[in-house]
């Protein structure tokens, strides 16, 4: 049984053991990642690298915004098709109608995934163009028309 004043009792609750080998702070500021370039060509390359990082961050942010929009579209399709009455007189018509509803619900997430995967090696304009086109094509009309009424 451990004593209450034992210093090792709270060792699991502290994160200040910097001597631990698994404790990694990453590269030090001004260390290897920001080494001074020897030539002027390297200086422009590092400046271009910083601009590239900002561009990738902006692309990631824009892609995330579109991902949120597509997620809201999927929820809109779920709500919209739940409001529609089933239209079918026999079993085959009901099954195909429900399958079409399922395809409408997953169309927005699938468009997002396909746009991101298929535009991986291309420019940001290409990816954002396809994502913007999807926001126009995949609007959840049953939800929007149900809200307008």
Protein backbone atom coordinates (compact mmCIF):
# COMPACT_ATOMS: atom_id res chain seq x y z
CA UNK A 1 0.00 0.00 0.00
CA UNK A 2 1.40 3.40 -1.00
CA UNK A 3 1.72 6.26 1.43
CA UNK A 4 -0.24 9.47 0.70
CA UNK A 5 2.91 11.60 0.76
CA UNK A 6 4.76 9.40 -1.76
CA UNK A 7 5.92 11.65 -4.66
CA UNK A 8 5.39 8.88 -7.24
CA UNK A 9 1.66 8.66 -6.55
CA UNK A 10 0.95 11.70 -8.72
CA UNK A 11 3.54 10.90 -11.41
CA UNK A 12 0.84 9.72 -13.80
CA UNK A 13 -0.98 13.03 -13.44
CA UNK A 14 1.99 15.22 -14.39
CA UNK A 15 3.30 15.97 -17.87
CA UNK A 16 6.50 17.67 -16.81
CA UNK A 17 8.96 14.79 -17.17
CA UNK A 18 11.15 16.24 -19.93
CA UNK A 19 13.82 13.58 -19.39
CA UNK A 20 11.46 10.96 -20.77
CA UNK A 21 12.52 9.73 -24.25
CA UNK A 22 8.93 9.82 -25.55
CA UNK A 23 8.59 13.52 -24.67
CA UNK A 24 9.10 15.32 -28.00
CA UNK A 25 8.78 19.06 -28.44
CA UNK A 26 9.53 19.01 -32.19
CA UNK A 27 12.18 21.18 -33.85
CA UNK A 28 13.43 24.13 -31.87
CA UNK A 29 12.54 27.59 -33.19
CA UNK A 30 15.34 28.81 -35.41
CA UNK A 31 16.68 25.26 -35.64
CA UNK A 32 16.98 23.01 -38.68
CA UNK A 33 13.62 23.97 -40.16
CA UNK A 34 14.57 27.64 -40.40
CA UNK A 35 18.26 27.35 -41.27
CA UNK A 36 19.67 30.37 -43.11
CA UNK A 37 19.97 29.73 -46.88
CA UNK A 38 23.43 29.95 -48.39
CA UNK A 39 22.40 31.28 -51.80
CA UNK A 40 19.84 33.78 -53.03
CA UNK A 41 18.10 31.00 -54.99
CA UNK A 42 17.48 29.15 -51.77
CA UNK A 43 16.07 32.34 -50.22
CA UNK A 44 13.40 32.61 -52.90
CA UNK A 45 12.71 28.89 -52.60
CA UNK A 46 12.08 29.21 -48.87
CA UNK A 47 9.88 32.27 -49.44
CA UNK A 48 7.95 30.30 -52.06
CA UNK A 49 7.67 27.43 -49.59
CA UNK A 50 6.07 29.74 -47.02
CA UNK A 51 3.62 30.97 -49.63
CA UNK A 52 2.93 27.35 -50.59
CA UNK A 53 2.15 26.49 -46.97
CA UNK A 54 -0.32 29.38 -46.79
CA UNK A 55 -1.89 28.23 -50.05
CA UNK A 56 -2.25 24.70 -48.76
CA UNK A 57 -3.78 26.03 -45.55
CA UNK A 58 -6.27 28.11 -47.52
CA UNK A 59 -7.11 25.11 -49.71
CA UNK A 60 -7.60 22.95 -46.62
CA UNK A 61 -9.86 25.59 -45.06
CA UNK A 62 -11.93 25.95 -48.24
CA UNK A 63 -12.20 22.18 -48.62
CA UNK A 64 -13.33 21.93 -44.99
CA UNK A 65 -16.02 24.56 -45.58
CA UNK A 66 -17.26 22.65 -48.60
CA UNK A 67 -17.19 19.44 -46.53
CA UNK A 68 -19.46 21.10 -43.97
CA UNK A 69 -21.80 22.27 -46.72
CA UNK A 70 -22.00 18.77 -48.17
CA UNK A 71 -22.68 17.34 -44.71
CA UNK A 72 -25.55 19.82 -44.30
CA UNK A 73 -26.79 18.83 -47.75
CA UNK A 74 -26.91 15.16 -46.68
CA UNK A 75 -28.88 16.11 -43.56
CA UNK A 76 -31.17 18.27 -45.73
CA UNK A 77 -31.82 15.33 -48.05
CA UNK A 78 -32.58 13.07 -45.07
CA UNK A 79 -35.11 15.57 -43.70
CA UNK A 80 -36.48 16.38 -47.15
CA UNK A 81 -37.14 12.82 -48.28
CA UNK A 82 -38.67 11.98 -44.89
CA UNK A 83 -41.32 14.64 -45.58
CA UNK A 84 -42.24 13.20 -48.98
CA UNK A 85 -45.01 10.60 -49.12
CA UNK A 86 -44.18 7.18 -50.53
CA UNK A 87 -45.31 7.03 -54.12
CA UNK A 88 -45.75 3.52 -55.32
CA UNK A 89 -48.53 1.08 -55.82
CA UNK A 90 -46.56 -2.13 -55.78
CA UNK A 91 -43.46 -3.46 -54.04
CA UNK A 92 -41.06 -2.85 -56.93
CA UNK A 93 -42.00 0.82 -57.16
CA UNK A 94 -41.60 1.31 -53.41
CA UNK A 95 -38.20 -0.40 -53.36
CA UNK A 96 -36.89 1.61 -56.31
CA UNK A 97 -38.26 4.82 -54.79
CA UNK A 98 -36.52 4.16 -51.47
CA UNK A 99 -33.31 3.25 -53.30
CA UNK A 100 -33.51 6.57 -55.16
CA UNK A 101 -33.95 8.33 -51.81
CA UNK A 102 -30.85 6.54 -50.50
CA UNK A 103 -28.85 7.61 -53.56
CA UNK A 104 -30.01 11.20 -53.11
CA UNK A 105 -28.86 11.16 -49.49
CA UNK A 106 -25.38 9.78 -50.22
CA UNK A 107 -24.84 11.81 -53.39
CA UNK A 108 -23.44 14.87 -51.58
CA UNK A 109 -20.85 13.01 -49.46
CA UNK A 110 -19.85 10.90 -52.46
CA UNK A 111 -19.39 14.02 -54.63
CA UNK A 112 -17.16 15.53 -51.93
CA UNK A 113 -15.02 12.41 -51.62
CA UNK A 114 -14.77 11.99 -55.40
CA UNK A 115 -13.83 15.64 -55.89
CA UNK A 116 -11.10 15.49 -53.27
CA UNK A 117 -9.68 12.16 -54.41
CA UNK A 118 -9.80 12.80 -58.15
CA UNK A 119 -8.35 16.32 -57.90
CA UNK A 120 -5.45 15.34 -55.65
CA UNK A 121 -2.70 15.98 -58.20
CA UNK A 122 -4.33 19.01 -59.79
CA UNK A 123 -4.51 22.65 -58.78
CA UNK A 124 -6.62 24.26 -56.11
CA UNK A 125 -8.85 25.94 -58.70
CA UNK A 126 -9.70 22.57 -60.19
CA UNK A 127 -10.70 21.09 -56.81
CA UNK A 128 -12.64 24.14 -55.67
CA UNK A 129 -14.37 24.37 -59.05
CA UNK A 130 -15.68 20.81 -58.79
CA UNK A 131 -16.72 21.35 -55.18
CA UNK A 132 -18.54 24.59 -56.09
CA UNK A 133 -20.31 22.85 -58.99
CA UNK A 134 -21.48 20.15 -56.59
CA UNK A 135 -23.01 22.72 -54.27
CA UNK A 136 -25.16 23.91 -57.17
CA UNK A 137 -26.10 20.48 -58.50
CA UNK A 138 -26.84 18.67 -55.24
CA UNK A 139 -29.10 21.19 -53.50
CA UNK A 140 -31.66 19.33 -51.33
CA UNK A 141 -34.75 20.56 -53.19
CA UNK A 142 -37.37 18.64 -51.16
CA UNK A 143 -36.04 20.24 -47.96
CA UNK A 144 -35.84 23.73 -49.46
CA UNK A 145 -39.31 23.52 -51.00
CA UNK A 146 -40.71 22.20 -47.71
CA UNK A 147 -39.23 25.18 -45.85
CA UNK A 148 -40.49 27.71 -48.41
CA UNK A 149 -44.08 26.43 -48.27
